[in-house]
Amino acid sequence: MLIDGAIRSAERARAAWDEGKDARAAAALGRAQEIVGQMLAAINSEPAPELARKVAGVYLYLFRSLLEAGSPRDEAKLDEALRVLRAERETWRQLCERLGNCSEPDSASFDTVPGLSLEA
């Protein structure tokens, strides 16, 4: 769900750019960065340190790409971040299926987490 939130925010940034609303685009990119930062902070390296390091590398790459997309406006960086986010979402979906845990959680469940909203 966090990945979906980051994708939505990045897509909102593109739409804002298309409308000439650079401040709105910057806010949307900032939100996408915030979500990726939350994903990075949530990595638990205890069970598999090497895997955690690799996932952290992907999330750091995403964070940098989103940051670079905003200053100066770089749609290629945004496209790359969206490509990686979508691939990451698909990876998690496949993992969920293999583990037999494919319930689609309600995004409202994140409304109870202080400071975390996917609708920003």
PDB file of N, CA and C in Angstrom:
ATOM      1  N   MET A   1       0.815  -1.199   0.000  1.00  0.00           N
ATOM      2  CA  MET A   1       0.000   0.000   0.000  1.00  0.00           C
ATOM      3  C   MET A   1       0.858   1.262   0.000  1.00  0.00           C
ATOM      4  N   LEU A   2       2.001   1.206   0.680  1.00  0.00           N
ATOM      5  CA  LEU A   2       2.878   2.372   0.646  1.00  0.00           C
ATOM      6  C   LEU A   2       3.392   2.616  -0.763  1.00  0.00           C
ATOM      7  N   ILE A   3       3.719   1.543  -1.444  1.00  0.00           N
ATOM      8  CA  ILE A   3       4.205   1.687  -2.818  1.00  0.00           C
ATOM      9  C   ILE A   3       3.115   2.323  -3.678  1.00  0.00           C
ATOM     10  N   ASP A   4       1.874   1.889  -3.521  1.00  0.00           N
ATOM     11  CA  ASP A   4       0.775   2.496  -4.263  1.00  0.00           C
ATOM     12  C   ASP A   4       0.662   3.985  -3.952  1.00  0.00           C
ATOM     13  N   GLY A   5       0.845   4.347  -2.693  1.00  0.00           N
ATOM     14  CA  GLY A   5       0.801   5.756  -2.304  1.00  0.00           C
ATOM     15  C   GLY A   5       1.911   6.558  -2.957  1.00  0.00           C
ATOM     16  N   ALA A   6       3.109   5.984  -3.019  1.00  0.00           N
ATOM     17  CA  ALA A   6       4.229   6.670  -3.674  1.00  0.00           C
ATOM     18  C   ALA A   6       3.956   6.832  -5.172  1.00  0.00           C
ATOM     19  N   ILE A   7       3.393   5.799  -5.781  1.00  0.00           N
ATOM     20  CA  ILE A   7       3.053   5.880  -7.207  1.00  0.00           C
ATOM     21  C   ILE A   7       2.007   6.963  -7.436  1.00  0.00           C
ATOM     22  N   ARG A   8       0.970   6.979  -6.621  1.00  0.00           N
ATOM     23  CA  ARG A   8      -0.079   8.001  -6.770  1.00  0.00           C
ATOM     24  C   ARG A   8       0.507   9.406  -6.630  1.00  0.00           C
ATOM     25  N   SER A   9       1.371   9.592  -5.647  1.00  0.00           N
ATOM     26  CA  SER A   9       1.961  10.915  -5.436  1.00  0.00           C
ATOM     27  C   SER A   9       2.839  11.320  -6.610  1.00  0.00           C
ATOM     28  N   ALA A  10       3.627  10.398  -7.136  1.00  0.00           N
ATOM     29  CA  ALA A  10       4.473  10.700  -8.291  1.00  0.00           C
ATOM     30  C   ALA A  10       3.616  11.028  -9.515  1.00  0.00           C
ATOM     31  N   GLU A  11       2.537  10.299  -9.694  1.00  0.00           N
ATOM     32  CA  GLU A  11       1.640  10.587 -10.814  1.00  0.00           C
ATOM     33  C   GLU A  11       0.953  11.941 -10.640  1.00  0.00           C
ATOM     34  N   ARG A  12       0.644  12.303  -9.394  1.00  0.00           N
ATOM     35  CA  ARG A  12       0.069  13.629  -9.128  1.00  0.00           C
ATOM     36  C   ARG A  12       1.075  14.727  -9.482  1.00  0.00           C
ATOM     37  N   ALA A  13       2.339  14.466  -9.214  1.00  0.00           N
ATOM     38  CA  ALA A  13       3.372  15.449  -9.566  1.00  0.00           C
ATOM     39  C   ALA A  13       3.394  15.673 -11.071  1.00  0.00           C
ATOM     40  N   ARG A  14       3.342  14.598 -11.828  1.00  0.00           N
ATOM     41  CA  ARG A  14       3.338  14.725 -13.291  1.00  0.00           C
ATOM     42  C   ARG A  14       2.110  15.508 -13.758  1.00  0.00           C
ATOM     43  N   ALA A  15       0.968  15.191 -13.201  1.00  0.00           N
ATOM     44  CA  ALA A  15      -0.259  15.897 -13.589  1.00  0.00           C
ATOM     45  C   ALA A  15      -0.156  17.385 -13.242  1.00  0.00           C
ATOM     46  N   ALA A  16       0.409  17.685 -12.091  1.00  0.00           N
ATOM     47  CA  ALA A  16       0.568  19.088 -11.707  1.00  0.00           C
ATOM     48  C   ALA A  16       1.528  19.805 -12.657  1.00  0.00           C
ATOM     49  N   TRP A  17       2.611  19.136 -13.038  1.00  0.00           N
ATOM     50  CA  TRP A  17       3.529  19.730 -14.018  1.00  0.00           C
ATOM     51  C   TRP A  17       2.784  20.035 -15.313  1.00  0.00           C
ATOM     52  N   ASP A  18       1.965  19.080 -15.754  1.00  0.00           N
ATOM     53  CA  ASP A  18       1.212  19.261 -17.002  1.00  0.00           C
ATOM     54  C   ASP A  18       0.271  20.456 -16.919  1.00  0.00           C
ATOM     55  N   GLU A  19      -0.215  20.745 -15.705  1.00  0.00           N
ATOM     56  CA  GLU A  19      -1.127  21.879 -15.497  1.00  0.00           C
ATOM     57  C   GLU A  19      -0.377  23.172 -15.191  1.00  0.00           C
ATOM     58  N   GLY A  20       0.946  23.097 -15.149  1.00  0.00           N
ATOM     59  CA  GLY A  20       1.742  24.281 -14.845  1.00  0.00           C
ATOM     60  C   GLY A  20       1.728  24.664 -13.380  1.00  0.00           C
ATOM     61  N   LYS A  21       1.419  23.725 -12.519  1.00  0.00           N
ATOM     62  CA  LYS A  21       1.335  23.982 -11.075  1.00  0.00           C
ATOM     63  C   LYS A  21       2.554  23.379 -10.384  1.00  0.00           C
ATOM     64  N   ASP A  22       3.653  24.111 -10.484  1.00  0.00           N
ATOM     65  CA  ASP A  22       4.924  23.595  -9.983  1.00  0.00           C
ATOM     66  C   ASP A  22       4.941  23.404  -8.471  1.00  0.00           C
ATOM     67  N   ALA A  23       4.283  24.273  -7.731  1.00  0.00           N
ATOM     68  CA  ALA A  23       4.255  24.127  -6.268  1.00  0.00           C
ATOM     69  C   ALA A  23       3.506  22.856  -5.872  1.00  0.00           C
ATOM     70  N   ARG A  24       2.421  22.577  -6.560  1.00  0.00           N
ATOM     71  CA  ARG A  24       1.663  21.350  -6.281  1.00  0.00           C
ATOM     72  C   ARG A  24       2.501  20.115  -6.650  1.00  0.00           C
ATOM     73  N   ALA A  25       3.234  20.215  -7.753  1.00  0.00           N
ATOM     74  CA  ALA A  25       4.098  19.108  -8.168  1.00  0.00           C
ATOM     75  C   ALA A  25       5.187  18.867  -7.126  1.00  0.00           C
ATOM     76  N   ALA A  26       5.781  19.938  -6.624  1.00  0.00           N
ATOM     77  CA  ALA A  26       6.827  19.800  -5.607  1.00  0.00           C
ATOM     78  C   ALA A  26       6.279  19.146  -4.343  1.00  0.00           C
ATOM     79  N   ALA A  27       5.066  19.517  -3.957  1.00  0.00           N
ATOM     80  CA  ALA A  27       4.450  18.911  -2.770  1.00  0.00           C
ATOM     81  C   ALA A  27       4.190  17.423  -2.999  1.00  0.00           C
ATOM     82  N   ALA A  28       3.731  17.068  -4.179  1.00  0.00           N
ATOM     83  CA  ALA A  28       3.464  15.660  -4.492  1.00  0.00           C
ATOM     84  C   ALA A  28       4.761  14.857  -4.521  1.00  0.00           C
ATOM     85  N   LEU A  29       5.798  15.431  -5.098  1.00  0.00           N
ATOM     86  CA  LEU A  29       7.100  14.747  -5.096  1.00  0.00           C
ATOM     87  C   LEU A  29       7.621  14.593  -3.673  1.00  0.00           C
ATOM     88  N   GLY A  30       7.436  15.610  -2.856  1.00  0.00           N
ATOM     89  CA  GLY A  30       7.844  15.530  -1.454  1.00  0.00           C
ATOM     90  C   GLY A  30       7.108  14.429  -0.724  1.00  0.00           C
ATOM     91  N   ARG A  31       5.835  14.276  -1.033  1.00  0.00           N
ATOM     92  CA  ARG A  31       5.046  13.209  -0.399  1.00  0.00           C
ATOM     93  C   ARG A  31       5.556  11.845  -0.848  1.00  0.00           C
ATOM     94  N   ALA A  32       5.848  11.685  -2.126  1.00  0.00           N
ATOM     95  CA  ALA A  32       6.386  10.417  -2.619  1.00  0.00           C
ATOM     96  C   ALA A  32       7.712  10.106  -1.929  1.00  0.00           C
ATOM     97  N   GLN A  33       8.557  11.120  -1.760  1.00  0.00           N
ATOM     98  CA  GLN A  33       9.829  10.932  -1.060  1.00  0.00           C
ATOM     99  C   GLN A  33       9.592  10.518   0.388  1.00  0.00           C
ATOM    100  N   GLU A  34       8.637  11.144   1.023  1.00  0.00           N
ATOM    101  CA  GLU A  34       8.309  10.815   2.410  1.00  0.00           C
ATOM    102  C   GLU A  34       7.882   9.357   2.542  1.00  0.00           C
ATOM    103  N   ILE A  35       7.067   8.901   1.614  1.00  0.00           N
ATOM    104  CA  ILE A  35       6.600   7.516   1.657  1.00  0.00           C
ATOM    105  C   ILE A  35       7.765   6.556   1.456  1.00  0.00           C
ATOM    106  N   VAL A  36       8.621   6.850   0.481  1.00  0.00           N
ATOM    107  CA  VAL A  36       9.787   5.982   0.250  1.00  0.00           C
ATOM    108  C   VAL A  36      10.694   6.001   1.481  1.00  0.00           C
ATOM    109  N   GLY A  37      10.824   7.149   2.118  1.00  0.00           N
ATOM    110  CA  GLY A  37      11.595   7.233   3.356  1.00  0.00           C
ATOM    111  C   GLY A  37      11.014   6.350   4.451  1.00  0.00           C
ATOM    112  N   GLN A  38       9.689   6.305   4.546  1.00  0.00           N
ATOM    113  CA  GLN A  38       9.022   5.426   5.514  1.00  0.00           C
ATOM    114  C   GLN A  38       9.305   3.964   5.192  1.00  0.00           C
ATOM    115  N   MET A  39       9.290   3.633   3.912  1.00  0.00           N
ATOM    116  CA  MET A  39       9.581   2.259   3.497  1.00  0.00           C
ATOM    117  C   MET A  39      11.013   1.889   3.882  1.00  0.00           C
ATOM    118  N   LEU A  40      11.923   2.806   3.673  1.00  0.00           N
ATOM    119  CA  LEU A  40      13.330   2.577   4.012  1.00  0.00           C
ATOM    120  C   LEU A  40      13.496   2.393   5.518  1.00  0.00           C
ATOM    121  N   ALA A  41      12.844   3.234   6.288  1.00  0.00           N
ATOM    122  CA  ALA A  41      12.957   3.156   7.745  1.00  0.00           C
ATOM    123  C   ALA A  41      12.362   1.868   8.307  1.00  0.00           C
ATOM    124  N   ALA A  42      11.433   1.269   7.576  1.00  0.00           N
ATOM    125  CA  ALA A  42      10.756   0.070   8.065  1.00  0.00           C
ATOM    126  C   ALA A  42      11.518  -1.221   7.774  1.00  0.00           C
ATOM    127  N   ILE A  43      12.612  -1.141   7.052  1.00  0.00           N
ATOM    128  CA  ILE A  43      13.367  -2.356   6.718  1.00  0.00           C
ATOM    129  C   ILE A  43      13.978  -2.939   7.980  1.00  0.00           C
ATOM    130  N   ASN A  44      13.752  -4.218   8.181  1.00  0.00           N
ATOM    131  CA  ASN A  44      14.310  -4.946   9.322  1.00  0.00           C
ATOM    132  C   ASN A  44      15.446  -5.812   8.793  1.00  0.00           C
ATOM    133  N   SER A  45      16.652  -5.512   9.206  1.00  0.00           N
ATOM    134  CA  SER A  45      17.802  -6.246   8.687  1.00  0.00           C
ATOM    135  C   SER A  45      18.121  -7.507   9.482  1.00  0.00           C
ATOM    136  N   GLU A  46      17.445  -7.728  10.585  1.00  0.00           N
ATOM    137  CA  GLU A  46      17.748  -8.879  11.442  1.00  0.00           C
ATOM    138  C   GLU A  46      17.643 -10.231  10.729  1.00  0.00           C
ATOM    139  N   PRO A  47      16.526 -10.558  10.101  1.00  0.00           N
ATOM    140  CA  PRO A  47      16.417 -11.912   9.556  1.00  0.00           C
ATOM    141  C   PRO A  47      17.291 -12.174   8.329  1.00  0.00           C
ATOM    142  N   ALA A  48      17.535 -11.146   7.526  1.00  0.00           N
ATOM    143  CA  ALA A  48      18.292 -11.345   6.281  1.00  0.00           C
ATOM    144  C   ALA A  48      19.056 -10.062   5.950  1.00  0.00           C
ATOM    145  N   PRO A  49      20.218  -9.868   6.550  1.00  0.00           N
ATOM    146  CA  PRO A  49      20.956  -8.610   6.351  1.00  0.00           C
ATOM    147  C   PRO A  49      21.288  -8.302   4.889  1.00  0.00           C
ATOM    148  N   GLU A  50      21.665  -9.304   4.108  1.00  0.00           N
ATOM    149  CA  GLU A  50      22.023  -9.062   2.711  1.00  0.00           C
ATOM    150  C   GLU A  50      20.801  -8.628   1.895  1.00  0.00           C
ATOM    151  N   LEU A  51      19.684  -9.281   2.108  1.00  0.00           N
ATOM    152  CA  LEU A  51      18.448  -8.893   1.422  1.00  0.00           C
ATOM    153  C   LEU A  51      18.042  -7.486   1.838  1.00  0.00           C
ATOM    154  N   ALA A  52      18.121  -7.195   3.119  1.00  0.00           N
ATOM    155  CA  ALA A  52      17.771  -5.862   3.613  1.00  0.00           C
ATOM    156  C   ALA A  52      18.656  -4.797   2.965  1.00  0.00           C
ATOM    157  N   ARG A  53      19.940  -5.090   2.806  1.00  0.00           N
ATOM    158  CA  ARG A  53      20.859  -4.148   2.170  1.00  0.00           C
ATOM    159  C   ARG A  53      20.456  -3.888   0.720  1.00  0.00           C
ATOM    160  N   LYS A  54      20.065  -4.940   0.016  1.00  0.00           N
ATOM    161  CA  LYS A  54      19.653  -4.784  -1.386  1.00  0.00           C
ATOM    162  C   LYS A  54      18.359  -3.976  -1.506  1.00  0.00           C
ATOM    163  N   VAL A  55      17.396  -4.290  -0.649  1.00  0.00           N
ATOM    164  CA  VAL A  55      16.127  -3.551  -0.671  1.00  0.00           C
ATOM    165  C   VAL A  55      16.381  -2.090  -0.308  1.00  0.00           C
ATOM    166  N   ALA A  56      17.214  -1.850   0.694  1.00  0.00           N
ATOM    167  CA  ALA A  56      17.550  -0.478   1.076  1.00  0.00           C
ATOM    168  C   ALA A  56      18.188   0.261  -0.094  1.00  0.00           C
ATOM    169  N   GLY A  57      19.022  -0.414  -0.861  1.00  0.00           N
ATOM    170  CA  GLY A  57      19.632   0.208  -2.030  1.00  0.00           C
ATOM    171  C   GLY A  57      18.601   0.632  -3.060  1.00  0.00           C
ATOM    172  N   VAL A  58      17.601  -0.209  -3.269  1.00  0.00           N
ATOM    173  CA  VAL A  58      16.524   0.132  -4.212  1.00  0.00           C
ATOM    174  C   VAL A  58      15.760   1.345  -3.704  1.00  0.00           C
ATOM    175  N   TYR A  59      15.421   1.350  -2.412  1.00  0.00           N
ATOM    176  CA  TYR A  59      14.655   2.460  -1.855  1.00  0.00           C
ATOM    177  C   TYR A  59      15.461   3.758  -1.846  1.00  0.00           C
ATOM    178  N   LEU A  60      16.763   3.672  -1.583  1.00  0.00           N
ATOM    179  CA  LEU A  60      17.608   4.869  -1.650  1.00  0.00           C
ATOM    180  C   LEU A  60      17.673   5.407  -3.073  1.00  0.00           C
ATOM    181  N   TYR A  61      17.768   4.495  -4.045  1.00  0.00           N
ATOM    182  CA  TYR A  61      17.765   4.906  -5.443  1.00  0.00           C
ATOM    183  C   TYR A  61      16.453   5.632  -5.779  1.00  0.00           C
ATOM    184  N   LEU A  62      15.337   5.072  -5.321  1.00  0.00           N
ATOM    185  CA  LEU A  62      14.041   5.706  -5.557  1.00  0.00           C
ATOM    186  C   LEU A  62      13.985   7.091  -4.931  1.00  0.00           C
ATOM    187  N   PHE A  63      14.441   7.190  -3.702  1.00  0.00           N
ATOM    188  CA  PHE A  63      14.415   8.471  -3.005  1.00  0.00           C
ATOM    189  C   PHE A  63      15.219   9.513  -3.787  1.00  0.00           C
ATOM    190  N   ARG A  64      16.435   9.140  -4.200  1.00  0.00           N
ATOM    191  CA  ARG A  64      17.282  10.068  -4.964  1.00  0.00           C
ATOM    192  C   ARG A  64      16.632  10.445  -6.293  1.00  0.00           C
ATOM    193  N   SER A  65      16.040   9.471  -6.973  1.00  0.00           N
ATOM    194  CA  SER A  65      15.399   9.750  -8.261  1.00  0.00           C
ATOM    195  C   SER A  65      14.251  10.734  -8.099  1.00  0.00           C
ATOM    196  N   LEU A  66      13.457  10.550  -7.055  1.00  0.00           N
ATOM    197  CA  LEU A  66      12.345  11.467  -6.814  1.00  0.00           C
ATOM    198  C   LEU A  66      12.864  12.856  -6.451  1.00  0.00           C
ATOM    199  N   LEU A  67      13.930  12.913  -5.679  1.00  0.00           N
ATOM    200  CA  LEU A  67      14.531  14.193  -5.312  1.00  0.00           C
ATOM    201  C   LEU A  67      15.069  14.901  -6.554  1.00  0.00           C
ATOM    202  N   GLU A  68      15.785  14.182  -7.389  1.00  0.00           N
ATOM    203  CA  GLU A  68      16.367  14.760  -8.599  1.00  0.00           C
ATOM    204  C   GLU A  68      15.292  15.131  -9.625  1.00  0.00           C
ATOM    205  N   ALA A  69      14.167  14.469  -9.582  1.00  0.00           N
ATOM    206  CA  ALA A  69      13.089  14.779 -10.526  1.00  0.00           C
ATOM    207  C   ALA A  69      12.550  16.192 -10.299  1.00  0.00           C
ATOM    208  N   GLY A  70      12.635  16.657  -9.073  1.00  0.00           N
ATOM    209  CA  GLY A  70      12.034  17.945  -8.755  1.00  0.00           C
ATOM    210  C   GLY A  70      12.914  19.155  -8.964  1.00  0.00           C
ATOM    211  N   SER A  71      14.217  18.984  -9.027  1.00  0.00           N
ATOM    212  CA  SER A  71      15.070  20.158  -9.087  1.00  0.00           C
ATOM    213  C   SER A  71      16.298  19.902  -9.943  1.00  0.00           C
ATOM    214  N   PRO A  72      16.384  20.408 -11.134  1.00  0.00           N
ATOM    215  CA  PRO A  72      15.276  21.018 -11.855  1.00  0.00           C
ATOM    216  C   PRO A  72      14.303  19.948 -12.347  1.00  0.00           C
ATOM    217  N   ARG A  73      13.188  20.372 -12.801  1.00  0.00           N
ATOM    218  CA  ARG A  73      12.159  19.440 -13.274  1.00  0.00           C
ATOM    219  C   ARG A  73      12.764  18.459 -14.272  1.00  0.00           C
ATOM    220  N   ASP A  74      12.715  17.175 -13.900  1.00  0.00           N
ATOM    221  CA  ASP A  74      13.328  16.141 -14.741  1.00  0.00           C
ATOM    222  C   ASP A  74      12.338  14.987 -14.880  1.00  0.00           C
ATOM    223  N   GLU A  75      11.588  15.013 -15.966  1.00  0.00           N
ATOM    224  CA  GLU A  75      10.566  13.995 -16.168  1.00  0.00           C
ATOM    225  C   GLU A  75      11.165  12.615 -16.396  1.00  0.00           C
ATOM    226  N   ALA A  76      12.368  12.540 -16.945  1.00  0.00           N
ATOM    227  CA  ALA A  76      13.018  11.243 -17.136  1.00  0.00           C
ATOM    228  C   ALA A  76      13.291  10.582 -15.779  1.00  0.00           C
ATOM    229  N   LYS A  77      13.726  11.367 -14.801  1.00  0.00           N
ATOM    230  CA  LYS A  77      13.952  10.827 -13.448  1.00  0.00           C
ATOM    231  C   LYS A  77      12.635  10.366 -12.837  1.00  0.00           C
ATOM    232  N   LEU A  78      11.574  11.130 -13.065  1.00  0.00           N
ATOM    233  CA  LEU A  78      10.268  10.738 -12.547  1.00  0.00           C
ATOM    234  C   LEU A  78       9.797   9.452 -13.222  1.00  0.00           C
ATOM    235  N   ASP A  79       9.989   9.347 -14.522  1.00  0.00           N
ATOM    236  CA  ASP A  79       9.619   8.129 -15.243  1.00  0.00           C
ATOM    237  C   ASP A  79      10.365   6.918 -14.696  1.00  0.00           C
ATOM    238  N   GLU A  80      11.663   7.097 -14.425  1.00  0.00           N
ATOM    239  CA  GLU A  80      12.467   6.003 -13.898  1.00  0.00           C
ATOM    240  C   GLU A  80      11.991   5.591 -12.505  1.00  0.00           C
ATOM    241  N   ALA A  81      11.693   6.563 -11.666  1.00  0.00           N
ATOM    242  CA  ALA A  81      11.186   6.254 -10.326  1.00  0.00           C
ATOM    243  C   ALA A  81       9.866   5.497 -10.422  1.00  0.00           C
ATOM    244  N   LEU A  82       8.990   5.931 -11.301  1.00  0.00           N
ATOM    245  CA  LEU A  82       7.705   5.245 -11.467  1.00  0.00           C
ATOM    246  C   LEU A  82       7.900   3.825 -11.987  1.00  0.00           C
ATOM    247  N   ARG A  83       8.835   3.638 -12.907  1.00  0.00           N
ATOM    248  CA  ARG A  83       9.112   2.298 -13.425  1.00  0.00           C
ATOM    249  C   ARG A  83       9.570   1.373 -12.299  1.00  0.00           C
ATOM    250  N   VAL A  84      10.478   1.851 -11.474  1.00  0.00           N
ATOM    251  CA  VAL A  84      10.987   1.030 -10.369  1.00  0.00           C
ATOM    252  C   VAL A  84       9.899   0.789  -9.332  1.00  0.00           C
ATOM    253  N   LEU A  85       9.112   1.797  -9.014  1.00  0.00           N
ATOM    254  CA  LEU A  85       8.014   1.616  -8.049  1.00  0.00           C
ATOM    255  C   LEU A  85       7.013   0.575  -8.542  1.00  0.00           C
ATOM    256  N   ARG A  86       6.678   0.620  -9.809  1.00  0.00           N
ATOM    257  CA  ARG A  86       5.726  -0.357 -10.348  1.00  0.00           C
ATOM    258  C   ARG A  86       6.312  -1.763 -10.339  1.00  0.00           C
ATOM    259  N   ALA A  87       7.598  -1.880 -10.644  1.00  0.00           N
ATOM    260  CA  ALA A  87       8.259  -3.191 -10.582  1.00  0.00           C
ATOM    261  C   ALA A  87       8.285  -3.705  -9.142  1.00  0.00           C
ATOM    262  N   GLU A  88       8.541  -2.817  -8.210  1.00  0.00           N
ATOM    263  CA  GLU A  88       8.559  -3.192  -6.794  1.00  0.00           C
ATOM    264  C   GLU A  88       7.170  -3.647  -6.337  1.00  0.00           C
ATOM    265  N   ARG A  89       6.145  -2.923  -6.772  1.00  0.00           N
ATOM    266  CA  ARG A  89       4.773  -3.315  -6.433  1.00  0.00           C
ATOM    267  C   ARG A  89       4.470  -4.709  -6.964  1.00  0.00           C
ATOM    268  N   GLU A  90       4.877  -4.997  -8.189  1.00  0.00           N
ATOM    269  CA  GLU A  90       4.639  -6.314  -8.786  1.00  0.00           C
ATOM    270  C   GLU A  90       5.414  -7.399  -8.039  1.00  0.00           C
ATOM    271  N   THR A  91       6.632  -7.091  -7.632  1.00  0.00           N
ATOM    272  CA  THR A  91       7.423  -8.052  -6.865  1.00  0.00           C
ATOM    273  C   THR A  91       6.724  -8.415  -5.564  1.00  0.00           C
ATOM    274  N   TRP A  92       6.246  -7.405  -4.850  1.00  0.00           N
ATOM    275  CA  TRP A  92       5.543  -7.671  -3.588  1.00  0.00           C
ATOM    276  C   TRP A  92       4.246  -8.437  -3.833  1.00  0.00           C
ATOM    277  N   ARG A  93       3.544  -8.128  -4.916  1.00  0.00           N
ATOM    278  CA  ARG A  93       2.306  -8.848  -5.232  1.00  0.00           C
ATOM    279  C   ARG A  93       2.602 -10.325  -5.456  1.00  0.00           C
ATOM    280  N   GLN A  94       3.658 -10.616  -6.220  1.00  0.00           N
ATOM    281  CA  GLN A  94       4.020 -12.004  -6.488  1.00  0.00           C
ATOM    282  C   GLN A  94       4.447 -12.726  -5.219  1.00  0.00           C
ATOM    283  N   LEU A  95       5.196 -12.051  -4.368  1.00  0.00           N
ATOM    284  CA  LEU A  95       5.600 -12.644  -3.098  1.00  0.00           C
ATOM    285  C   LEU A  95       4.385 -12.961  -2.243  1.00  0.00           C
ATOM    286  N   CYS A  96       3.462 -12.055  -2.211  1.00  0.00           N
ATOM    287  CA  CYS A  96       2.228 -12.243  -1.452  1.00  0.00           C
ATOM    288  C   CYS A  96       1.476 -13.473  -1.960  1.00  0.00           C
ATOM    289  N   GLU A  97       1.374 -13.614  -3.265  1.00  0.00           N
ATOM    290  CA  GLU A  97       0.694 -14.775  -3.841  1.00  0.00           C
ATOM    291  C   GLU A  97       1.398 -16.072  -3.469  1.00  0.00           C
ATOM    292  N   ARG A  98       2.711 -16.081  -3.556  1.00  0.00           N
ATOM    293  CA  ARG A  98       3.467 -17.297  -3.226  1.00  0.00           C
ATOM    294  C   ARG A  98       3.325 -17.683  -1.771  1.00  0.00           C
ATOM    295  N   LEU A  99       3.211 -16.698  -0.921  1.00  0.00           N
ATOM    296  CA  LEU A  99       3.054 -16.975   0.504  1.00  0.00           C
ATOM    297  C   LEU A  99       1.604 -17.261   0.875  1.00  0.00           C
ATOM    298  N   GLY A 100       0.698 -17.053  -0.094  1.00  0.00           N
ATOM    299  CA  GLY A 100      -0.719 -17.305   0.161  1.00  0.00           C
ATOM    300  C   GLY A 100      -1.353 -16.263   1.048  1.00  0.00           C
ATOM    301  N   ASN A 101      -0.812 -15.070   1.038  1.00  0.00           N
ATOM    302  CA  ASN A 101      -1.324 -13.984   1.883  1.00  0.00           C
ATOM    303  C   ASN A 101      -1.688 -12.810   0.994  1.00  0.00           C
ATOM    304  N   CYS A 102      -2.736 -12.979   0.213  1.00  0.00           N
ATOM    305  CA  CYS A 102      -3.053 -11.986  -0.809  1.00  0.00           C
ATOM    306  C   CYS A 102      -4.232 -11.104  -0.466  1.00  0.00           C
ATOM    307  N   SER A 103      -4.591 -11.035   0.780  1.00  0.00           N
ATOM    308  CA  SER A 103      -5.706 -10.168   1.114  1.00  0.00           C
ATOM    309  C   SER A 103      -5.318  -8.735   0.800  1.00  0.00           C
ATOM    310  N   GLU A 104      -6.254  -7.986   0.295  1.00  0.00           N
ATOM    311  CA  GLU A 104      -6.026  -6.580  -0.018  1.00  0.00           C
ATOM    312  C   GLU A 104      -6.427  -5.772   1.205  1.00  0.00           C
ATOM    313  N   PRO A 105      -5.455  -5.296   1.977  1.00  0.00           N
ATOM    314  CA  PRO A 105      -5.798  -4.522   3.155  1.00  0.00           C
ATOM    315  C   PRO A 105      -6.457  -3.211   2.776  1.00  0.00           C
ATOM    316  N   ASP A 106      -7.301  -2.763   3.631  1.00  0.00           N
ATOM    317  CA  ASP A 106      -8.005  -1.513   3.434  1.00  0.00           C
ATOM    318  C   ASP A 106      -7.046  -0.363   3.721  1.00  0.00           C
ATOM    319  N   SER A 107      -6.905   0.559   2.781  1.00  0.00           N
ATOM    320  CA  SER A 107      -5.970   1.664   2.979  1.00  0.00           C
ATOM    321  C   SER A 107      -6.375   2.518   4.176  1.00  0.00           C
ATOM    322  N   ALA A 108      -7.624   2.427   4.605  1.00  0.00           N
ATOM    323  CA  ALA A 108      -8.059   3.182   5.774  1.00  0.00           C
ATOM    324  C   ALA A 108      -7.340   2.718   7.035  1.00  0.00           C
ATOM    325  N   SER A 109      -6.787   1.502   7.015  1.00  0.00           N
ATOM    326  CA  SER A 109      -6.080   1.007   8.194  1.00  0.00           C
ATOM    327  C   SER A 109      -4.860   1.858   8.515  1.00  0.00           C
ATOM    328  N   PHE A 110      -4.323   2.585   7.527  1.00  0.00           N
ATOM    329  CA  PHE A 110      -3.178   3.447   7.774  1.00  0.00           C
ATOM    330  C   PHE A 110      -3.596   4.785   8.365  1.00  0.00           C
ATOM    331  N   ASP A 111      -4.879   5.070   8.357  1.00  0.00           N
ATOM    332  CA  ASP A 111      -5.334   6.332   8.913  1.00  0.00           C
ATOM    333  C   ASP A 111      -5.088   6.419  10.412  1.00  0.00           C
ATOM    334  N   THR A 112      -4.888   5.277  11.058  1.00  0.00           N
ATOM    335  CA  THR A 112      -4.674   5.275  12.496  1.00  0.00           C
ATOM    336  C   THR A 112      -3.207   5.432  12.862  1.00  0.00           C
ATOM    337  N   VAL A 113      -2.315   5.417  11.882  1.00  0.00           N
ATOM    338  CA  VAL A 113      -0.895   5.574  12.154  1.00  0.00           C
ATOM    339  C   VAL A 113      -0.574   7.064  12.154  1.00  0.00           C
ATOM    340  N   PRO A 114      -0.101   7.594  13.292  1.00  0.00           N
ATOM    341  CA  PRO A 114       0.184   9.032  13.364  1.00  0.00           C
ATOM    342  C   PRO A 114       1.187   9.467  12.300  1.00  0.00           C
ATOM    343  N   GLY A 115       0.865  10.535  11.604  1.00  0.00           N
ATOM    344  CA  GLY A 115       1.779  11.101  10.618  1.00  0.00           C
ATOM    345  C   GLY A 115       1.839  10.352   9.305  1.00  0.00           C
ATOM    346  N   LEU A 116       0.986   9.324   9.120  1.00  0.00           N
ATOM    347  CA  LEU A 116       1.055   8.557   7.892  1.00  0.00           C
ATOM    348  C   LEU A 116      -0.314   8.535   7.230  1.00  0.00           C
ATOM    349  N   SER A 117      -0.378   9.126   6.071  1.00  0.00           N
ATOM    350  CA  SER A 117      -1.596   9.139   5.273  1.00  0.00           C
ATOM    351  C   SER A 117      -1.213   8.955   3.825  1.00  0.00           C
ATOM    352  N   LEU A 118      -1.894   8.077   3.140  1.00  0.00           N
ATOM    353  CA  LEU A 118      -1.582   7.830   1.733  1.00  0.00           C
ATOM    354  C   LEU A 118      -2.317   8.779   0.809  1.00  0.00           C
ATOM    355  N   GLU A 119      -3.154   9.612   1.346  1.00  0.00           N
ATOM    356  CA  GLU A 119      -3.973  10.493   0.519  1.00  0.00           C
ATOM    357  C   GLU A 119      -3.361  11.861   0.300  1.00  0.00           C
ATOM    358  N   ALA A 120      -2.260  12.149   0.917  1.00  0.00           N
ATOM    359  CA  ALA A 120      -1.661  13.487   0.802  1.00  0.00           C
ATOM    360  C   ALA A 120      -1.296  13.807  -0.617  1.00  0.00           C
TER     361      ALA A 120
END
